[in-house]
Amino acid sequence: MDSMKWLLPNLTAPTWMDITIAVAFCVFGWLFQHFVLKKIITSSVSFLKKRQRNFQATVLAQFNNAIRYAFMSAVVVLSLSNLLKIFLFTHFATKNFVLSIMVFFAFKGIYDVLHYYTKQPLQLNNDEEQNVLLPFFLRIGKVLVMILAMFTIASFWDFNINGFLTGIGLTGVAIAFGIRDTLAHVFGGMSVALDNPFQIGDWIATEDQKIEGTIEDINLRSTLIQTGDKGLVYVPNSYLVNRPIYNLSKREKRKCELFLYVAAENEEEQLRSALSTIHQQIYLHANTEKEMIHVYIDEFHQTSYRVLVRFFVATNDTAVMLSVRQDVLFAIRQVVSEYDIVLAEETDDDC
């Protein structure tokens, strides 16, 4: 007890009865928060959910631990105040410490709410279209909450915040040169968020086809993509920003394009009739778009013609598109056989 005189000059030695009362008060406080306070919070959350107030219910549920920890901290401080015969909440030597604890738990509750919605951002978005910026704002909000909590607690202890910020600014300039690549990825993530080229769940592919898969998550530095073989790829955002991205999920139709090489010795009328029949067969297929079907000779070579066959399938499903393409190929083969069209070999000159 003598070693604490420098902090609490009026400190008196507690009796065994004081110690017993303090311990009993702490035990009672723990039982109250565990069996009463916890139940009150849980019942309140259920009540809010029944009233369709999901946001308020989620906030209260995430504040559950912070409220209970703050309550137990207050119980401990009250017990010590009774034990030491000094009200620690207002005593000049301990009030800053007690305030720091309470502020910490208050900011922890806010942090827990932001952390919850960072993992499940769709619950904050009532629009049909996802807000890609929301995960960024939530992550930035978590960082700001931690910084604000640190500065708030530091202000209780008369910490020189201005000097600290000046030092941070000078240090930040030096660090920025060492993390240029990381900053490029972060700003790339901002660009992805602002342009909104894709959302979580979209199927994308890069122009060079090196990366193709479904968007799992969009972070400040990288984007998580699940490939077709169920692999997870962390792609730096600067990589995605600096090359064309195809959002395959937004397609309403798929283009099919193929080339048929026929010998130049075929009669013109016979060839025209065959191409017209191929066009008709494609038109009659149930899954092809009727407005845009091209079956024409588009190149002439020394010994052959190149026939362009282009049509669109009203689907975004690759399996359906390939099935329609297969049907068209069988139909073309049948037409070629019926009209006795002589095919030609594809050569380098033809290409």
Protein backbone atom coordinates (compact mmCIF):
# COMPACT_ATOMS: atom_id res chain seq x y z
CA MET A 1 0.00 0.00 0.00
CA ASP A 2 2.89 2.35 0.71
CA SER A 3 4.12 1.97 -2.90
CA MET A 4 0.85 3.56 -4.14
CA LYS A 5 1.11 6.67 -1.96
CA TRP A 6 2.70 8.63 -4.82
CA LEU A 7 -0.43 8.08 -6.91
CA LEU A 8 -3.09 8.18 -4.19
CA PRO A 9 -1.73 10.16 -1.21
CA ASN A 10 -4.89 9.73 0.90
CA LEU A 11 -4.94 5.97 0.45
CA THR A 12 -5.85 3.94 3.54
CA ALA A 13 -5.32 0.25 4.04
CA PRO A 14 -8.55 -1.71 3.41
CA THR A 15 -9.93 -4.20 5.90
CA TRP A 16 -10.83 -7.80 5.11
CA MET A 17 -14.49 -6.78 5.21
CA ASP A 18 -13.83 -4.12 2.54
CA ILE A 19 -12.06 -6.70 0.37
CA THR A 20 -14.94 -9.17 0.78
CA ILE A 21 -17.50 -6.51 -0.17
CA ALA A 22 -15.45 -5.47 -3.22
CA VAL A 23 -15.10 -9.06 -4.45
CA ALA A 24 -18.79 -9.76 -3.83
CA PHE A 25 -19.72 -6.60 -5.74
CA CYS A 26 -17.58 -7.71 -8.72
CA VAL A 27 -19.13 -11.19 -8.68
CA PHE A 28 -22.62 -9.73 -8.51
CA GLY A 29 -21.78 -7.35 -11.36
CA TRP A 30 -20.49 -10.22 -13.51
CA LEU A 31 -23.61 -12.31 -12.83
CA PHE A 32 -25.83 -9.30 -13.62
CA GLN A 33 -24.14 -8.56 -16.95
CA HIS A 34 -24.04 -12.23 -17.95
CA PHE A 35 -27.59 -13.25 -17.04
CA VAL A 36 -29.54 -9.97 -17.05
CA LEU A 37 -27.82 -7.38 -19.22
CA LYS A 38 -26.98 -9.91 -21.93
CA LYS A 39 -30.58 -11.14 -21.97
CA ILE A 40 -31.92 -7.57 -22.17
CA ILE A 41 -29.72 -6.82 -25.18
CA THR A 42 -30.64 -10.10 -26.89
CA SER A 43 -34.36 -9.49 -26.32
CA SER A 44 -34.03 -5.94 -27.65
CA VAL A 45 -32.31 -7.22 -30.79
CA SER A 46 -35.10 -9.75 -31.38
CA PHE A 47 -37.75 -7.06 -30.82
CA LEU A 48 -36.11 -4.72 -33.34
CA LYS A 49 -35.84 -7.50 -35.93
CA LYS A 50 -39.54 -8.27 -35.54
CA ARG A 51 -40.28 -4.58 -36.15
CA GLN A 52 -38.19 -4.80 -39.37
CA ARG A 53 -35.55 -2.48 -37.95
CA ASN A 54 -32.65 -4.62 -39.03
CA PHE A 55 -30.02 -1.87 -39.00
CA GLN A 56 -30.76 -0.86 -35.40
CA ALA A 57 -30.85 -4.53 -34.40
CA THR A 58 -27.45 -5.17 -36.01
CA VAL A 59 -25.89 -2.12 -34.37
CA LEU A 60 -27.17 -3.14 -30.94
CA ALA A 61 -26.00 -6.74 -31.45
CA GLN A 62 -22.50 -5.58 -32.40
CA PHE A 63 -22.40 -3.23 -29.40
CA ASN A 64 -23.27 -6.17 -27.13
CA ASN A 65 -19.71 -7.01 -26.10
CA ALA A 66 -18.63 -3.38 -25.79
CA ILE A 67 -21.60 -2.57 -23.53
CA ARG A 68 -20.96 -5.58 -21.28
CA TYR A 69 -17.21 -4.94 -21.06
CA ALA A 70 -17.81 -1.27 -20.26
CA PHE A 71 -20.33 -2.27 -17.59
CA MET A 72 -17.88 -4.69 -15.98
CA SER A 73 -15.13 -2.04 -16.10
CA ALA A 74 -17.44 0.38 -14.28
CA VAL A 75 -18.24 -2.33 -11.69
CA VAL A 76 -14.54 -2.96 -11.08
CA VAL A 77 -13.83 0.77 -10.74
CA LEU A 78 -16.73 1.16 -8.29
CA SER A 79 -15.47 -1.83 -6.29
CA LEU A 80 -11.98 -0.36 -6.11
CA SER A 81 -13.44 3.02 -5.15
CA ASN A 82 -15.27 1.43 -2.24
CA LEU A 83 -12.21 -0.62 -1.34
CA LEU A 84 -9.80 2.34 -1.35
CA LYS A 85 -12.33 4.89 -0.04
CA ILE A 86 -11.58 7.09 -3.07
CA PHE A 87 -14.00 7.79 -5.91
CA LEU A 88 -11.81 6.84 -8.88
CA PHE A 89 -14.21 8.24 -11.49
CA THR A 90 -13.42 11.83 -10.47
CA HIS A 91 -10.08 11.56 -8.69
CA PHE A 92 -7.44 13.64 -10.52
CA ALA A 93 -4.97 10.72 -10.57
CA THR A 94 -7.32 8.10 -12.03
CA LYS A 95 -10.15 9.85 -13.87
CA ASN A 96 -8.19 10.03 -17.16
CA PHE A 97 -7.49 6.31 -17.00
CA VAL A 98 -11.17 5.50 -16.35
CA LEU A 99 -12.30 7.85 -19.14
CA SER A 100 -9.82 6.23 -21.50
CA ILE A 101 -11.30 2.80 -20.79
CA MET A 102 -14.86 4.01 -21.38
CA VAL A 103 -13.92 5.82 -24.60
CA PHE A 104 -12.07 2.72 -25.79
CA PHE A 105 -15.16 0.52 -25.39
CA ALA A 106 -17.38 3.15 -27.06
CA PHE A 107 -15.14 3.22 -30.13
CA LYS A 108 -14.82 -0.57 -30.02
CA GLY A 109 -18.58 -0.84 -30.45
CA ILE A 110 -18.46 1.44 -33.50
CA TYR A 111 -15.51 -0.55 -34.88
CA ASP A 112 -17.40 -3.84 -34.42
CA VAL A 113 -20.37 -2.45 -36.36
CA LEU A 114 -18.15 -1.35 -39.25
CA HIS A 115 -16.29 -4.67 -39.18
CA TYR A 116 -19.58 -6.59 -39.39
CA TYR A 117 -20.78 -4.64 -42.41
CA THR A 118 -17.35 -4.89 -44.04
CA LYS A 119 -17.84 -8.66 -44.11
CA GLN A 120 -21.47 -8.33 -45.22
CA PRO A 121 -21.78 -5.01 -47.13
CA LEU A 122 -24.89 -6.10 -49.04
CA GLN A 123 -27.00 -5.76 -45.88
CA LEU A 124 -26.41 -1.98 -45.99
CA ASN A 125 -27.32 -1.71 -49.67
CA ASN A 126 -31.04 -1.69 -50.40
CA ASP A 127 -30.60 -0.92 -54.09
CA GLU A 128 -30.81 -3.59 -56.75
CA GLU A 129 -27.33 -2.60 -57.95
CA GLN A 130 -24.46 -3.21 -55.60
CA ASN A 131 -22.46 -0.23 -54.36
CA VAL A 132 -18.84 -1.21 -54.92
CA LEU A 133 -17.63 1.87 -53.04
CA LEU A 134 -19.31 0.71 -49.83
CA PRO A 135 -16.63 -1.85 -48.80
CA PHE A 136 -13.97 0.81 -49.34
CA PHE A 137 -15.78 3.35 -47.17
CA LEU A 138 -16.32 0.77 -44.45
CA ARG A 139 -12.65 -0.22 -44.38
CA ILE A 140 -11.56 3.41 -44.38
CA GLY A 141 -14.12 4.06 -41.63
CA LYS A 142 -12.53 1.35 -39.47
CA VAL A 143 -9.14 3.00 -39.80
CA LEU A 144 -10.58 6.44 -39.03
CA VAL A 145 -12.35 5.09 -35.93
CA MET A 146 -9.07 3.67 -34.61
CA ILE A 147 -7.24 6.94 -35.30
CA LEU A 148 -10.01 9.02 -33.71
CA ALA A 149 -10.05 6.77 -30.64
CA MET A 150 -6.28 7.08 -30.31
CA PHE A 151 -6.36 10.89 -30.56
CA THR A 152 -9.33 11.14 -28.17
CA ILE A 153 -7.61 9.06 -25.52
CA ALA A 154 -4.33 10.92 -26.10
CA SER A 155 -6.11 14.24 -25.49
CA PHE A 156 -7.06 13.09 -21.96
CA TRP A 157 -3.35 12.79 -21.14
CA ASP A 158 -2.39 16.19 -22.65
CA PHE A 159 -0.44 14.52 -25.41
CA ASN A 160 1.08 16.97 -27.95
CA ILE A 161 -1.03 15.97 -30.95
CA ASN A 162 0.20 18.80 -33.20
CA GLY A 163 3.81 17.72 -32.85
CA PHE A 164 2.83 14.11 -33.39
CA LEU A 165 0.93 14.97 -36.59
CA THR A 166 3.89 16.99 -37.88
CA GLY A 167 6.18 14.04 -37.30
CA ILE A 168 3.73 11.69 -38.99
CA GLY A 169 3.55 14.01 -42.01
CA LEU A 170 7.29 14.13 -42.47
CA THR A 171 7.62 10.40 -41.96
CA GLY A 172 4.75 9.74 -44.36
CA VAL A 173 6.53 11.54 -47.20
CA ALA A 174 9.57 9.32 -46.75
CA ILE A 175 7.48 6.17 -46.48
CA ALA A 176 5.46 7.06 -49.60
CA PHE A 177 8.56 6.72 -51.76
CA GLY A 178 9.16 3.24 -50.41
CA ILE A 179 5.64 1.98 -51.01
CA ARG A 180 4.96 3.42 -54.46
CA ASP A 181 3.74 0.09 -55.81
CA THR A 182 1.37 -0.43 -52.90
CA LEU A 183 -0.02 3.08 -53.32
CA ALA A 184 -0.51 2.39 -57.04
CA HIS A 185 -2.59 -0.66 -56.15
CA VAL A 186 -4.61 1.35 -53.61
CA PHE A 187 -5.35 4.14 -56.07
CA GLY A 188 -6.12 1.48 -58.63
CA GLY A 189 -8.69 0.10 -56.22
CA MET A 190 -10.19 3.57 -55.89
CA SER A 191 -10.42 3.80 -59.68
CA VAL A 192 -12.12 0.41 -59.86
CA ALA A 193 -14.60 1.54 -57.22
CA LEU A 194 -15.35 4.87 -58.92
CA ASP A 195 -15.67 3.42 -62.43
CA ASN A 196 -17.68 0.46 -61.11
CA PRO A 197 -16.79 -1.88 -64.02
CA PHE A 198 -17.82 -4.95 -62.06
CA GLN A 199 -19.42 -6.02 -58.80
CA ILE A 200 -19.02 -8.89 -56.39
CA GLY A 201 -20.40 -11.99 -58.10
CA ASP A 202 -19.69 -10.81 -61.67
CA TRP A 203 -17.84 -13.01 -64.11
CA ILE A 204 -15.01 -11.07 -65.77
CA ALA A 205 -12.11 -11.72 -68.12
CA THR A 206 -9.09 -9.66 -69.13
CA GLU A 207 -8.43 -8.90 -72.79
CA ASP A 208 -5.47 -11.28 -72.91
CA GLN A 209 -7.59 -14.06 -71.29
CA LYS A 210 -4.90 -14.62 -68.67
CA ILE A 211 -7.41 -14.02 -65.89
CA GLU A 212 -11.03 -15.13 -66.00
CA GLY A 213 -13.34 -15.86 -63.13
CA THR A 214 -15.91 -14.62 -60.63
CA ILE A 215 -15.33 -11.59 -58.38
CA GLU A 216 -15.26 -12.76 -54.75
CA ASP A 217 -14.14 -9.57 -53.01
CA ILE A 218 -12.83 -6.08 -53.83
CA ASN A 219 -10.20 -4.75 -51.44
CA LEU A 220 -8.22 -1.53 -51.36
CA ARG A 221 -5.09 -3.20 -52.71
CA SER A 222 -6.33 -6.21 -54.67
CA THR A 223 -9.37 -7.97 -56.08
CA LEU A 224 -10.08 -11.59 -55.22
CA ILE A 225 -11.15 -13.68 -58.23
CA GLN A 226 -12.26 -17.31 -58.21
CA THR A 227 -11.24 -19.00 -61.45
CA GLY A 228 -13.10 -21.76 -63.25
CA ASP A 229 -11.00 -24.46 -61.58
CA LYS A 230 -12.05 -23.11 -58.13
CA GLY A 231 -8.69 -21.45 -57.57
CA LEU A 232 -8.45 -18.07 -55.83
CA VAL A 233 -6.34 -15.36 -57.46
CA TYR A 234 -5.43 -12.08 -55.75
CA VAL A 235 -5.06 -9.60 -58.61
CA PRO A 236 -3.48 -6.18 -57.87
CA ASN A 237 -5.95 -3.43 -58.69
CA SER A 238 -3.39 -1.52 -60.75
CA TYR A 239 -3.22 -4.55 -63.07
CA LEU A 240 -6.98 -4.46 -63.65
CA VAL A 241 -7.04 -0.69 -64.16
CA ASN A 242 -4.37 -0.72 -66.87
CA ARG A 243 -6.01 -3.19 -69.26
CA PRO A 244 -9.45 -3.78 -70.82
CA ILE A 245 -11.82 -5.86 -68.68
CA TYR A 246 -14.77 -7.76 -70.12
CA ASN A 247 -17.71 -8.06 -67.72
CA LEU A 248 -19.13 -11.30 -69.05
CA SER A 249 -22.01 -11.31 -66.57
CA LYS A 250 -23.58 -8.28 -68.27
CA ARG A 251 -23.92 -10.01 -71.63
CA GLU A 252 -27.42 -10.74 -72.86
CA LYS A 253 -26.28 -12.63 -75.96
CA ARG A 254 -23.21 -14.50 -77.20
CA LYS A 255 -21.60 -14.10 -80.60
CA CYS A 256 -20.74 -17.16 -82.66
CA GLU A 257 -18.42 -16.67 -85.60
CA LEU A 258 -16.94 -19.32 -87.84
CA PHE A 259 -15.45 -19.55 -91.34
CA LEU A 260 -16.24 -21.98 -94.14
CA TYR A 261 -13.77 -22.39 -97.01
CA VAL A 262 -15.27 -23.45 -100.34
CA ALA A 263 -13.53 -24.11 -103.63
CA ALA A 264 -13.72 -21.43 -106.34
CA GLU A 265 -14.88 -24.08 -108.83
CA ASN A 266 -18.37 -24.14 -107.26
CA GLU A 267 -21.13 -22.62 -109.42
CA GLU A 268 -22.19 -19.17 -108.27
CA GLU A 269 -25.93 -19.92 -108.19
CA GLN A 270 -25.39 -23.18 -106.39
CA LEU A 271 -23.19 -21.46 -103.83
CA ARG A 272 -25.68 -18.62 -103.34
CA SER A 273 -28.49 -21.13 -102.76
CA ALA A 274 -26.41 -23.04 -100.21
CA LEU A 275 -25.56 -19.86 -98.27
CA SER A 276 -29.21 -18.81 -98.29
CA THR A 277 -30.21 -22.21 -96.91
CA ILE A 278 -27.59 -21.98 -94.17
CA HIS A 279 -28.96 -18.54 -93.28
CA GLN A 280 -32.46 -19.98 -93.10
CA GLN A 281 -31.38 -22.89 -90.89
CA ILE A 282 -29.74 -20.51 -88.45
CA TYR A 283 -32.85 -18.30 -88.46
CA LEU A 284 -35.11 -21.26 -87.66
CA HIS A 285 -33.11 -22.30 -84.61
CA ALA A 286 -35.03 -21.48 -81.42
CA ASN A 287 -32.08 -19.95 -79.55
CA THR A 288 -30.59 -17.66 -82.20
CA GLU A 289 -31.17 -13.91 -82.51
CA LYS A 290 -33.15 -13.24 -85.67
CA GLU A 291 -32.09 -9.62 -86.22
CA MET A 292 -28.41 -10.25 -86.98
CA ILE A 293 -27.38 -13.29 -89.03
CA HIS A 294 -24.52 -13.03 -91.52
CA VAL A 295 -23.74 -15.76 -94.02
CA TYR A 296 -21.68 -14.17 -96.82
CA ILE A 297 -18.49 -14.59 -98.77
CA ASP A 298 -16.12 -12.06 -97.26
CA GLU A 299 -12.82 -12.98 -98.93
CA PHE A 300 -11.74 -14.25 -102.34
CA HIS A 301 -8.50 -16.18 -102.82
CA GLN A 302 -6.83 -17.84 -105.76
CA THR A 303 -8.54 -21.19 -105.40
CA SER A 304 -11.21 -20.62 -102.78
CA TYR A 305 -13.75 -18.36 -101.14
CA ARG A 306 -13.95 -17.68 -97.44
CA VAL A 307 -17.51 -17.70 -96.13
CA LEU A 308 -18.23 -15.78 -92.94
CA VAL A 309 -20.95 -17.30 -90.75
CA ARG A 310 -21.86 -15.01 -87.85
CA PHE A 311 -24.87 -15.15 -85.56
CA PHE A 312 -25.85 -14.45 -81.95
CA VAL A 313 -27.30 -16.75 -79.33
CA ALA A 314 -29.80 -15.33 -76.82
CA THR A 315 -27.99 -16.57 -73.71
CA ASN A 316 -25.05 -15.86 -71.45
CA ASP A 317 -24.55 -19.55 -70.71
CA THR A 318 -21.46 -20.93 -72.43
CA ALA A 319 -22.89 -24.46 -72.55
CA VAL A 320 -26.05 -23.26 -74.33
CA MET A 321 -23.99 -21.23 -76.78
CA LEU A 322 -21.77 -24.20 -77.62
CA SER A 323 -24.80 -26.42 -78.05
CA VAL A 324 -26.33 -23.98 -80.57
CA ARG A 325 -23.00 -23.66 -82.36
CA GLN A 326 -22.84 -27.44 -82.64
CA ASP A 327 -26.36 -27.57 -84.11
CA VAL A 328 -25.42 -24.96 -86.70
CA LEU A 329 -22.26 -26.83 -87.66
CA PHE A 330 -24.24 -30.03 -88.25
CA ALA A 331 -26.77 -28.04 -90.29
CA ILE A 332 -23.98 -26.52 -92.40
CA ARG A 333 -22.52 -29.95 -93.07
CA GLN A 334 -25.92 -31.23 -94.21
CA VAL A 335 -26.44 -28.22 -96.51
CA VAL A 336 -22.97 -28.62 -98.01
CA SER A 337 -23.76 -32.26 -98.71
CA GLU A 338 -27.18 -31.52 -100.25
CA TYR A 339 -25.84 -28.86 -102.63
CA ASP A 340 -22.67 -30.80 -103.46
CA ILE A 341 -20.49 -27.88 -102.39
CA VAL A 342 -16.79 -28.58 -102.82
CA LEU A 343 -14.84 -27.50 -99.77
CA ALA A 344 -11.30 -26.12 -99.85
CA GLU A 345 -8.39 -26.56 -97.52
CA GLU A 346 -7.49 -23.62 -95.31
CA THR A 347 -3.98 -22.49 -96.21
CA ASP A 348 -1.65 -19.81 -94.96
CA ASP A 349 -2.60 -17.71 -97.97
CA ASP A 350 -6.24 -18.02 -97.00
CA CYS A 351 -5.49 -16.79 -93.51
